[in-house]
N, C-alpha and C. Protein backbone atom coordinates (compact mmCIF):
# COMPACT_ATOMS: atom_id res chain seq x y z
N MET A 1 -27.13 284.76 197.03
CA MET A 1 -27.50 283.79 198.05
C MET A 1 -26.78 282.48 197.76
N LYS A 2 -26.19 281.94 198.80
CA LYS A 2 -25.45 280.69 198.64
C LYS A 2 -26.44 279.55 198.36
N ARG A 3 -26.13 278.77 197.38
CA ARG A 3 -27.00 277.66 197.00
C ARG A 3 -26.79 276.50 197.95
N TRP A 4 -27.85 275.96 198.51
CA TRP A 4 -27.81 274.82 199.44
C TRP A 4 -27.92 273.56 198.64
N ILE A 5 -26.85 272.79 198.57
CA ILE A 5 -26.84 271.57 197.76
C ILE A 5 -26.87 270.36 198.69
N ILE A 6 -27.85 269.54 198.54
CA ILE A 6 -27.95 268.30 199.31
C ILE A 6 -27.93 267.15 198.31
N PRO A 7 -27.02 266.21 198.46
CA PRO A 7 -26.92 265.12 197.50
C PRO A 7 -28.10 264.16 197.58
N VAL A 8 -28.25 263.40 196.55
CA VAL A 8 -29.28 262.37 196.51
C VAL A 8 -29.12 261.45 197.71
N LEU A 9 -27.88 261.16 198.08
CA LEU A 9 -27.63 260.32 199.25
C LEU A 9 -28.27 260.90 200.49
N LEU A 10 -28.01 262.16 200.77
CA LEU A 10 -28.55 262.77 201.98
C LEU A 10 -30.07 262.76 201.95
N ALA A 11 -30.65 263.05 200.79
CA ALA A 11 -32.10 263.01 200.68
C ALA A 11 -32.63 261.62 200.96
N ALA A 12 -31.96 260.61 200.43
CA ALA A 12 -32.40 259.23 200.66
C ALA A 12 -32.25 258.84 202.12
N LEU A 13 -31.18 259.29 202.74
CA LEU A 13 -30.93 258.92 204.13
C LEU A 13 -31.87 259.61 205.10
N THR A 14 -32.21 260.88 204.79
CA THR A 14 -32.98 261.65 205.76
C THR A 14 -34.43 261.88 205.36
N ALA A 15 -34.85 261.35 204.22
CA ALA A 15 -36.19 261.62 203.72
C ALA A 15 -37.28 261.11 204.65
N GLY A 16 -37.06 260.02 205.31
CA GLY A 16 -38.07 259.51 206.20
C GLY A 16 -37.68 258.15 206.71
N CYS A 17 -37.67 258.02 208.01
CA CYS A 17 -37.22 256.76 208.58
C CYS A 17 -38.29 255.69 208.56
N GLY A 18 -39.55 256.06 208.46
CA GLY A 18 -40.60 255.07 208.55
C GLY A 18 -40.93 254.36 207.25
N ASN A 19 -40.42 254.83 206.13
CA ASN A 19 -40.80 254.27 204.84
C ASN A 19 -39.59 253.67 204.15
N ARG A 20 -39.15 252.50 204.59
CA ARG A 20 -37.94 251.89 204.06
C ARG A 20 -38.15 250.46 203.59
N ALA A 21 -39.38 250.07 203.29
CA ALA A 21 -39.66 248.69 202.93
C ALA A 21 -38.93 248.26 201.67
N GLU A 22 -38.76 249.18 200.70
CA GLU A 22 -38.12 248.82 199.45
C GLU A 22 -36.65 248.44 199.66
N LYS A 23 -35.97 249.03 200.63
CA LYS A 23 -34.58 248.70 200.89
C LYS A 23 -34.44 247.45 201.76
N LYS A 24 -35.43 247.19 202.59
CA LYS A 24 -35.33 246.08 203.51
C LYS A 24 -35.19 244.74 202.79
N ALA A 25 -35.71 244.65 201.59
CA ALA A 25 -35.62 243.40 200.83
C ALA A 25 -34.16 242.97 200.65
N THR A 26 -33.23 243.92 200.60
CA THR A 26 -31.83 243.57 200.40
C THR A 26 -31.26 242.82 201.61
N THR A 27 -31.87 242.96 202.77
CA THR A 27 -31.35 242.29 203.97
C THR A 27 -31.64 240.80 203.95
N ASP A 28 -32.57 240.36 203.11
CA ASP A 28 -32.95 238.96 203.12
C ASP A 28 -32.12 238.11 202.15
N VAL A 29 -31.23 238.72 201.40
CA VAL A 29 -30.47 238.00 200.40
C VAL A 29 -29.50 237.01 201.04
N LEU A 30 -28.73 237.45 201.99
CA LEU A 30 -27.76 236.60 202.69
C LEU A 30 -27.79 236.92 204.17
N PRO A 31 -27.53 235.95 205.04
CA PRO A 31 -27.36 236.30 206.45
C PRO A 31 -26.16 237.24 206.58
N ASP A 32 -26.17 238.09 207.62
CA ASP A 32 -25.13 239.11 207.78
C ASP A 32 -23.73 238.53 207.71
N SER A 33 -23.46 237.48 208.45
CA SER A 33 -22.10 236.94 208.48
C SER A 33 -21.68 236.39 207.12
N LEU A 34 -22.60 235.78 206.39
CA LEU A 34 -22.27 235.25 205.07
C LEU A 34 -22.08 236.39 204.07
N ARG A 35 -22.89 237.46 204.18
CA ARG A 35 -22.76 238.61 203.30
C ARG A 35 -21.38 239.23 203.47
N ILE A 36 -20.93 239.42 204.70
CA ILE A 36 -19.62 240.01 204.94
C ILE A 36 -18.52 239.10 204.41
N PHE A 37 -18.65 237.79 204.63
CA PHE A 37 -17.65 236.86 204.11
C PHE A 37 -17.58 236.96 202.59
N THR A 38 -18.74 237.03 201.93
CA THR A 38 -18.78 237.12 200.48
C THR A 38 -18.13 238.41 199.99
N VAL A 39 -18.37 239.51 200.68
CA VAL A 39 -17.77 240.79 200.30
C VAL A 39 -16.25 240.72 200.43
N VAL A 40 -15.75 240.26 201.55
CA VAL A 40 -14.31 240.18 201.78
C VAL A 40 -13.68 239.18 200.83
N ASP A 41 -14.36 238.06 200.60
CA ASP A 41 -13.85 237.03 199.71
C ASP A 41 -13.73 237.54 198.27
N SER A 42 -14.52 238.56 197.90
CA SER A 42 -14.47 239.09 196.54
C SER A 42 -13.25 239.98 196.29
N LEU A 43 -12.54 240.34 197.34
CA LEU A 43 -11.37 241.21 197.19
C LEU A 43 -10.19 240.41 196.64
N ALA A 44 -9.70 240.82 195.48
CA ALA A 44 -8.55 240.15 194.87
C ALA A 44 -7.28 240.59 195.61
N ILE A 45 -6.55 239.63 196.15
CA ILE A 45 -5.35 239.93 196.93
C ILE A 45 -4.12 239.92 196.02
N ASN A 46 -3.35 240.99 196.10
CA ASN A 46 -2.09 241.10 195.38
C ASN A 46 -0.98 241.12 196.43
N PRO A 47 -0.09 240.13 196.45
CA PRO A 47 0.94 240.05 197.48
C PRO A 47 1.85 241.28 197.54
N ASP A 48 1.95 242.04 196.47
CA ASP A 48 2.79 243.25 196.46
C ASP A 48 2.15 244.43 197.17
N LEU A 49 0.88 244.34 197.52
CA LEU A 49 0.16 245.47 198.13
C LEU A 49 0.02 245.36 199.64
N GLY A 50 0.71 244.44 200.27
CA GLY A 50 0.70 244.37 201.73
C GLY A 50 -0.41 243.51 202.30
N GLU A 51 -0.46 243.53 203.61
CA GLU A 51 -1.42 242.73 204.37
C GLU A 51 -2.84 243.28 204.22
N LEU A 52 -3.81 242.39 204.34
CA LEU A 52 -5.21 242.79 204.36
C LEU A 52 -5.47 243.52 205.68
N GLN A 53 -6.09 244.68 205.60
CA GLN A 53 -6.44 245.41 206.82
C GLN A 53 -7.94 245.66 206.87
N LYS A 54 -8.42 245.78 208.09
CA LYS A 54 -9.84 246.00 208.35
C LYS A 54 -9.95 247.24 209.24
N ILE A 55 -10.74 248.23 208.79
CA ILE A 55 -10.92 249.45 209.57
C ILE A 55 -12.43 249.66 209.73
N ARG A 56 -12.84 249.94 210.97
CA ARG A 56 -14.27 250.08 211.27
C ARG A 56 -14.55 251.49 211.79
N TYR A 57 -15.66 252.06 211.32
CA TYR A 57 -16.11 253.39 211.75
C TYR A 57 -17.56 253.28 212.21
N VAL A 58 -17.90 253.99 213.28
CA VAL A 58 -19.28 254.03 213.76
C VAL A 58 -19.65 255.46 214.13
N GLY A 59 -20.94 255.75 214.08
CA GLY A 59 -21.41 257.07 214.48
C GLY A 59 -22.88 257.23 214.19
N LEU A 60 -23.45 258.29 214.75
CA LEU A 60 -24.86 258.61 214.57
C LEU A 60 -24.97 259.84 213.68
N ILE A 61 -25.64 259.68 212.54
CA ILE A 61 -25.83 260.75 211.56
C ILE A 61 -27.26 261.28 211.71
N PRO A 62 -27.48 262.59 211.60
CA PRO A 62 -28.83 263.15 211.74
C PRO A 62 -29.80 262.62 210.69
N ALA A 63 -31.08 262.59 211.07
CA ALA A 63 -32.15 262.16 210.16
C ALA A 63 -33.31 263.13 210.29
N ALA A 64 -34.18 263.17 209.28
CA ALA A 64 -35.29 264.12 209.24
C ALA A 64 -36.40 263.79 210.22
N ASP A 65 -36.81 262.53 210.30
CA ASP A 65 -37.98 262.24 211.14
C ASP A 65 -37.79 261.05 212.07
N CYS A 66 -36.57 260.84 212.49
CA CYS A 66 -36.28 259.89 213.57
C CYS A 66 -35.04 260.41 214.27
N PRO A 67 -34.71 259.88 215.45
CA PRO A 67 -33.58 260.41 216.22
C PRO A 67 -32.23 260.36 215.52
N GLY A 68 -32.08 259.53 214.52
CA GLY A 68 -30.82 259.48 213.79
C GLY A 68 -30.61 258.15 213.10
N ILE A 69 -29.52 258.08 212.35
CA ILE A 69 -29.15 256.86 211.64
C ILE A 69 -27.77 256.44 212.15
N ARG A 70 -27.71 255.27 212.74
CA ARG A 70 -26.43 254.76 213.24
C ARG A 70 -25.71 254.06 212.09
N TYR A 71 -24.52 254.55 211.78
CA TYR A 71 -23.68 253.96 210.74
C TYR A 71 -22.68 253.03 211.40
N ASP A 72 -22.50 251.87 210.81
CA ASP A 72 -21.45 250.94 211.20
C ASP A 72 -20.80 250.48 209.90
N LEU A 73 -19.68 251.09 209.57
CA LEU A 73 -19.01 250.89 208.30
C LEU A 73 -17.68 250.18 208.52
N THR A 74 -17.48 249.08 207.81
CA THR A 74 -16.20 248.37 207.86
C THR A 74 -15.60 248.37 206.46
N LEU A 75 -14.34 248.82 206.39
CA LEU A 75 -13.59 248.85 205.14
C LEU A 75 -12.49 247.80 205.19
N TRP A 76 -12.33 247.05 204.11
CA TRP A 76 -11.21 246.11 203.97
C TRP A 76 -10.40 246.54 202.76
N ASN A 77 -9.10 246.54 202.92
CA ASN A 77 -8.21 246.78 201.79
C ASN A 77 -6.81 246.31 202.16
N GLN A 78 -5.96 246.24 201.17
CA GLN A 78 -4.57 245.91 201.43
C GLN A 78 -3.84 247.18 201.85
N ALA A 79 -2.82 247.04 202.66
CA ALA A 79 -2.14 248.17 203.29
C ALA A 79 -1.67 249.23 202.30
N PHE A 80 -1.23 248.83 201.10
CA PHE A 80 -0.71 249.79 200.14
C PHE A 80 -1.64 249.98 198.95
N SER A 81 -2.93 249.86 199.19
CA SER A 81 -3.92 250.03 198.14
C SER A 81 -4.95 251.06 198.58
N GLY A 82 -5.40 251.89 197.67
CA GLY A 82 -6.40 252.90 197.97
C GLY A 82 -7.80 252.48 197.64
N ASP A 83 -8.02 251.18 197.47
CA ASP A 83 -9.37 250.69 197.23
C ASP A 83 -9.56 249.33 197.85
N GLY A 84 -10.81 248.91 197.96
CA GLY A 84 -11.11 247.64 198.59
C GLY A 84 -12.60 247.36 198.57
N VAL A 85 -13.09 246.71 199.61
CA VAL A 85 -14.51 246.38 199.74
C VAL A 85 -15.02 246.88 201.08
N TYR A 86 -16.33 246.98 201.20
CA TYR A 86 -16.92 247.48 202.45
C TYR A 86 -18.21 246.75 202.77
N ALA A 87 -18.60 246.85 204.03
CA ALA A 87 -19.92 246.44 204.50
C ALA A 87 -20.44 247.58 205.37
N LEU A 88 -21.67 248.00 205.13
CA LEU A 88 -22.28 249.11 205.85
C LEU A 88 -23.61 248.67 206.42
N VAL A 89 -23.79 248.89 207.72
CA VAL A 89 -25.09 248.67 208.36
C VAL A 89 -25.59 250.05 208.77
N MET A 90 -26.76 250.42 208.24
CA MET A 90 -27.39 251.67 208.61
C MET A 90 -28.63 251.33 209.42
N THR A 91 -28.66 251.78 210.67
CA THR A 91 -29.78 251.48 211.56
C THR A 91 -30.55 252.77 211.83
N TYR A 92 -31.78 252.80 211.40
CA TYR A 92 -32.66 253.94 211.64
C TYR A 92 -33.25 253.79 213.04
N ILE A 93 -32.91 254.70 213.92
CA ILE A 93 -33.27 254.64 215.33
C ILE A 93 -34.75 254.99 215.49
N GLU A 94 -35.48 254.12 216.19
CA GLU A 94 -36.90 254.32 216.51
C GLU A 94 -37.71 254.72 215.28
N SER A 95 -37.51 254.04 214.18
CA SER A 95 -38.14 254.45 212.93
C SER A 95 -39.48 253.78 212.64
N ASP A 96 -39.69 252.59 213.10
CA ASP A 96 -40.90 251.84 212.78
C ASP A 96 -41.62 251.50 214.07
N ASP A 97 -42.61 252.30 214.42
CA ASP A 97 -43.35 252.10 215.68
C ASP A 97 -42.39 252.04 216.87
N GLY A 98 -41.37 252.88 216.85
CA GLY A 98 -40.42 252.93 217.96
C GLY A 98 -39.31 251.90 217.89
N ARG A 99 -39.33 251.05 216.87
CA ARG A 99 -38.28 250.02 216.73
C ARG A 99 -37.19 250.50 215.80
N ASP A 100 -35.98 250.00 216.04
CA ASP A 100 -34.86 250.28 215.14
C ASP A 100 -34.95 249.35 213.94
N ILE A 101 -34.66 249.87 212.76
CA ILE A 101 -34.66 249.10 211.53
C ILE A 101 -33.28 249.21 210.90
N SER A 102 -32.68 248.08 210.56
CA SER A 102 -31.34 248.07 209.97
C SER A 102 -31.39 247.66 208.50
N PHE A 103 -30.50 248.27 207.72
CA PHE A 103 -30.34 247.96 206.30
C PHE A 103 -28.88 247.68 206.05
N TYR A 104 -28.61 246.73 205.16
CA TYR A 104 -27.25 246.26 204.93
C TYR A 104 -26.84 246.56 203.49
N TYR A 105 -25.65 247.11 203.35
CA TYR A 105 -25.11 247.45 202.05
C TYR A 105 -23.68 246.91 201.96
N SER A 106 -23.27 246.59 200.76
CA SER A 106 -21.89 246.14 200.57
C SER A 106 -21.48 246.50 199.16
N GLY A 107 -20.19 246.52 198.94
CA GLY A 107 -19.70 246.84 197.61
C GLY A 107 -18.21 247.13 197.63
N ARG A 108 -17.81 247.86 196.64
CA ARG A 108 -16.40 248.23 196.50
C ARG A 108 -16.24 249.69 196.90
N TRP A 109 -15.04 250.07 197.30
CA TRP A 109 -14.75 251.46 197.57
C TRP A 109 -13.41 251.82 196.95
N GLY A 110 -13.25 253.10 196.67
CA GLY A 110 -12.02 253.60 196.10
C GLY A 110 -11.67 254.95 196.70
N THR A 111 -10.47 255.40 196.43
CA THR A 111 -10.01 256.67 196.96
C THR A 111 -9.98 257.72 195.85
N LEU A 112 -10.55 258.87 196.15
CA LEU A 112 -10.50 260.03 195.26
C LEU A 112 -9.62 261.08 195.93
N ARG A 113 -9.09 261.99 195.14
CA ARG A 113 -8.23 263.03 195.69
C ARG A 113 -8.91 264.38 195.55
N GLY A 114 -9.01 265.10 196.67
CA GLY A 114 -9.46 266.48 196.67
C GLY A 114 -10.95 266.69 196.87
N ASP A 115 -11.26 267.80 197.57
CA ASP A 115 -12.63 268.26 197.71
C ASP A 115 -12.62 269.78 197.54
N VAL A 116 -13.76 270.42 197.77
CA VAL A 116 -13.88 271.86 197.56
C VAL A 116 -12.92 272.63 198.48
N ASP A 117 -12.73 272.15 199.71
CA ASP A 117 -11.90 272.85 200.68
C ASP A 117 -10.42 272.56 200.56
N ASP A 118 -10.06 271.37 200.09
CA ASP A 118 -8.66 270.95 200.09
C ASP A 118 -8.38 270.05 198.89
N PRO A 119 -7.55 270.50 197.94
CA PRO A 119 -7.28 269.68 196.76
C PRO A 119 -6.51 268.39 197.07
N ASP A 120 -5.92 268.31 198.27
CA ASP A 120 -5.19 267.11 198.65
C ASP A 120 -5.96 266.20 199.61
N ALA A 121 -7.21 266.53 199.89
CA ALA A 121 -8.02 265.71 200.81
C ALA A 121 -8.20 264.31 200.25
N SER A 122 -8.27 263.35 201.13
CA SER A 122 -8.50 261.96 200.74
C SER A 122 -9.99 261.66 200.91
N ILE A 123 -10.63 261.25 199.83
CA ILE A 123 -12.07 260.99 199.82
C ILE A 123 -12.30 259.51 199.58
N CYS A 124 -13.09 258.91 200.43
CA CYS A 124 -13.46 257.50 200.29
C CYS A 124 -14.82 257.45 199.57
N GLN A 125 -14.85 256.80 198.41
CA GLN A 125 -16.09 256.68 197.63
C GLN A 125 -16.58 255.25 197.70
N LEU A 126 -17.79 255.07 198.26
CA LEU A 126 -18.41 253.75 198.37
C LEU A 126 -19.34 253.54 197.18
N TYR A 127 -19.22 252.38 196.54
CA TYR A 127 -20.09 252.01 195.43
C TYR A 127 -21.03 250.93 195.93
N ASP A 128 -22.32 251.13 195.75
CA ASP A 128 -23.31 250.15 196.19
C ASP A 128 -23.47 249.08 195.12
N ASN A 129 -23.21 247.81 195.48
CA ASN A 129 -23.30 246.72 194.51
C ASN A 129 -24.71 246.53 193.95
N GLU A 130 -25.73 246.73 194.77
CA GLU A 130 -27.09 246.44 194.35
C GLU A 130 -27.72 247.57 193.55
N ARG A 131 -27.28 248.79 193.76
CA ARG A 131 -27.81 249.95 193.05
C ARG A 131 -26.61 250.71 192.52
N SER A 132 -26.13 250.33 191.36
CA SER A 132 -24.86 250.83 190.84
C SER A 132 -24.83 252.35 190.67
N GLN A 133 -25.98 253.01 190.62
CA GLN A 133 -25.96 254.46 190.46
C GLN A 133 -25.64 255.18 191.77
N ASP A 134 -25.76 254.52 192.90
CA ASP A 134 -25.53 255.17 194.19
C ASP A 134 -24.07 255.11 194.60
N THR A 135 -23.54 256.24 195.00
CA THR A 135 -22.22 256.29 195.61
C THR A 135 -22.30 257.17 196.84
N TYR A 136 -21.41 256.96 197.77
CA TYR A 136 -21.35 257.74 198.99
C TYR A 136 -19.95 258.31 199.09
N LEU A 137 -19.83 259.59 199.38
CA LEU A 137 -18.53 260.24 199.50
C LEU A 137 -18.28 260.60 200.95
N LEU A 138 -17.13 260.20 201.46
CA LEU A 138 -16.76 260.47 202.85
C LEU A 138 -15.33 260.99 202.88
N ARG A 139 -15.12 262.14 203.49
CA ARG A 139 -13.77 262.71 203.60
C ARG A 139 -13.05 262.06 204.78
N ARG A 140 -11.85 261.59 204.51
CA ARG A 140 -11.06 260.95 205.56
C ARG A 140 -10.39 261.99 206.43
N GLY A 141 -10.57 261.82 207.74
CA GLY A 141 -9.80 262.57 208.72
C GLY A 141 -8.79 261.61 209.32
N THR A 142 -8.11 262.03 210.36
CA THR A 142 -7.13 261.15 210.99
C THR A 142 -7.78 259.87 211.49
N ASP A 143 -8.87 259.98 212.21
CA ASP A 143 -9.60 258.82 212.74
C ASP A 143 -11.10 258.95 212.50
N SER A 144 -11.48 259.54 211.37
CA SER A 144 -12.90 259.76 211.12
C SER A 144 -13.19 259.82 209.62
N LEU A 145 -14.47 259.71 209.31
CA LEU A 145 -14.98 259.92 207.96
C LEU A 145 -16.15 260.89 208.08
N THR A 146 -16.22 261.88 207.18
CA THR A 146 -17.29 262.86 207.21
C THR A 146 -18.05 262.82 205.89
N LEU A 147 -19.37 262.69 205.97
CA LEU A 147 -20.22 262.62 204.79
C LEU A 147 -20.12 263.92 204.00
N LEU A 148 -19.99 263.81 202.69
CA LEU A 148 -19.94 264.96 201.78
C LEU A 148 -21.11 264.92 200.83
N THR A 149 -21.35 266.05 200.16
CA THR A 149 -22.34 266.08 199.10
C THR A 149 -21.73 265.41 197.87
N ASN A 150 -22.54 265.16 196.86
CA ASN A 150 -22.05 264.50 195.65
C ASN A 150 -21.01 265.33 194.90
N ASP A 151 -20.99 266.65 195.14
CA ASP A 151 -19.99 267.49 194.49
C ASP A 151 -18.82 267.81 195.44
N ARG A 152 -18.60 266.92 196.40
CA ARG A 152 -17.44 266.95 197.30
C ARG A 152 -17.39 268.19 198.20
N GLN A 153 -18.56 268.63 198.66
CA GLN A 153 -18.63 269.74 199.61
C GLN A 153 -19.09 269.22 200.95
N ARG A 154 -18.64 269.90 202.00
CA ARG A 154 -19.15 269.58 203.34
C ARG A 154 -20.63 269.95 203.38
N ILE A 155 -21.39 269.21 204.15
CA ILE A 155 -22.81 269.50 204.30
C ILE A 155 -22.94 270.75 205.16
N ASP A 156 -23.63 271.75 204.64
CA ASP A 156 -23.77 273.05 205.31
C ASP A 156 -24.81 272.94 206.41
N SER A 157 -24.37 272.51 207.58
CA SER A 157 -25.27 272.29 208.71
C SER A 157 -24.47 272.32 210.00
N PRO A 158 -25.09 272.76 211.08
CA PRO A 158 -24.40 272.69 212.38
C PRO A 158 -24.42 271.26 212.96
N LEU A 159 -25.15 270.36 212.32
CA LEU A 159 -25.24 268.99 212.80
C LEU A 159 -23.99 268.20 212.43
N ASN A 160 -23.74 267.12 213.14
CA ASN A 160 -22.53 266.32 212.96
C ASN A 160 -22.76 265.19 211.95
N TYR A 161 -22.01 265.20 210.86
CA TYR A 161 -22.09 264.17 209.84
C TYR A 161 -20.81 263.35 209.79
N THR A 162 -20.20 263.13 210.93
CA THR A 162 -18.93 262.42 211.02
C THR A 162 -19.09 261.12 211.80
N ILE A 163 -18.44 260.06 211.28
CA ILE A 163 -18.36 258.80 212.01
C ILE A 163 -16.89 258.59 212.38
N THR A 164 -16.65 257.93 213.51
CA THR A 164 -15.28 257.81 214.01
C THR A 164 -14.79 256.37 213.98
N ARG A 165 -13.48 256.27 213.88
CA ARG A 165 -12.81 254.96 213.81
C ARG A 165 -12.86 254.26 215.16
N VAL A 166 -13.16 252.96 215.10
CA VAL A 166 -13.15 252.12 216.29
C VAL A 166 -11.80 251.43 216.33
N LYS A 167 -11.08 251.56 217.42
CA LYS A 167 -9.75 250.94 217.50
C LYS A 167 -9.79 249.66 218.29
């Protein structure tokens, strides 16, 4: 029997939309615009690595007990660098008495090479600044990112775990 592996990330994301008070405290640290400025400002610029670029992805990821989690992920990096910083807004749809609840994350990201299906796949690994043990793995497509398990496998589900690039 094939073993069904769900990463800690997926469990945390889909465990329950109504019980997120412990994460909400992180939203009060800085206003959104200042938090993003602080994240981008923390990126050390090397003139040899090209221009600073900003890439944004959005999409709705399935959740266990609410209609879904809207991801809004922005990555900043230099054109010739495989790492940078990010800001992620995760909005749990209709999670608290029918209201949407948003949580804000930021940190550094890097590029890993290879997953279970393709040794040359490009994997974007997000590191959470506030909870250093948490990382998120997303496989890069041409204009998309797809959530992976912690052992770099696609999530075994007919549901869509992909967010797409906003141009």
